[in-house]
């Protein structure tokens, strides 16, 4: 049966401009776009609201908050995944790459973090297959090179697991995001309440682990991304040397480079730069890294991620549109640009033939309120 929805009298956010017009959705695809403020019989009158592509999230830790709503509280996973999915839909995100860490430390009692990715991925994929999820879910495997079990964990995934992104992470104390070890100490002591002696032992063991296995783990993660057919991303590049290594591996986008110097190097190597929407909204990085606004004003910011606040993605895209005086360009950082970086050619833009992942948004000052969400033409929020 043919199904059709018309969103009329809307401000359409197209790839390079905004246009007052209407969007026709038929059988899960955008059928056509027409200019004008008329409202055909049976159409949804959007009353001038923005109609734009559904937002695309490449890296979010939001699921962790639902699975562990309080320290050491393990919430039932099916309920947590469904709640996470519904939250994302409610703020206009229609495609998400759920970030799962692979690579664990099991021998060090002072810094244990265990394996969980394969089991949680099975639950996500199972709920997707059962039709329980509203939006499109892919997996983003965060490959921790400073770990003991990365290769074994990577081997448990394959090309049929919807792994869309593999990112190279190195949380060795003194490296990348935490090259200032005092900031890492503040984080660990604040989160885990460990003693100074335990902290020193943790740093020593992690550095030894990185020296012993780091290079082999990095190579294994690059090979695994190729095996899955996934896009490769870097994480927390800090120096031009980090970016050069990323480029040699074939990295397509850089997650959260920590310095303007690293962002400039990404530009030189043709690597897209992604920063956190919370960084932009708050006016700076909570961990002292380069400010998103600084990179945006320098023309070195390509993609935004909601990171740990799903609602931030829409607000930050609108913010960039205001900052640049170009709404289409700002919204592209949360739609077309992440779609292209992740190799998703069927979504991220309003165009005839594209997948009908569409949202309706009312501007409220500098922010926006989501008033409707359609995924493959079906309304989900």
Foldseek 3Di string as FASTA:
>chain_A
DKDKAKEAQEFEQFQFATAHWMWMAIQQFTADIDGDRDADPPYHRLNHFYKWFFFEFEEAPALVCLQPVDVPDGDPNLVSLLVSLLVLVQLRHQEYAYEDEAAWADPQPLDGDDDDPVVSLVSNVVCVVVVSGDHHYAYEYEYELLHDCRLVRLVSDAQVSRHAEYEYDYPQQLDFLRVVNVLVVVVCCVVPVDDPVSVVVVNVSSVVSCVVGNVVSVVSSLVSCVRNVYAYEYERAEALVSLVVCLVSVHAEYECHFEVRNLVSCVVSNHAYEYELVLAVVVHDPSNGGGPVVCLVVVRHQAYHPHHHSNSLQLSLLVSCVVVVGSSRSLLNRFVRVCVSSVNPQTRGDDRRHRPFMWTWHDDDSGIGTDWTAGSRHTDD
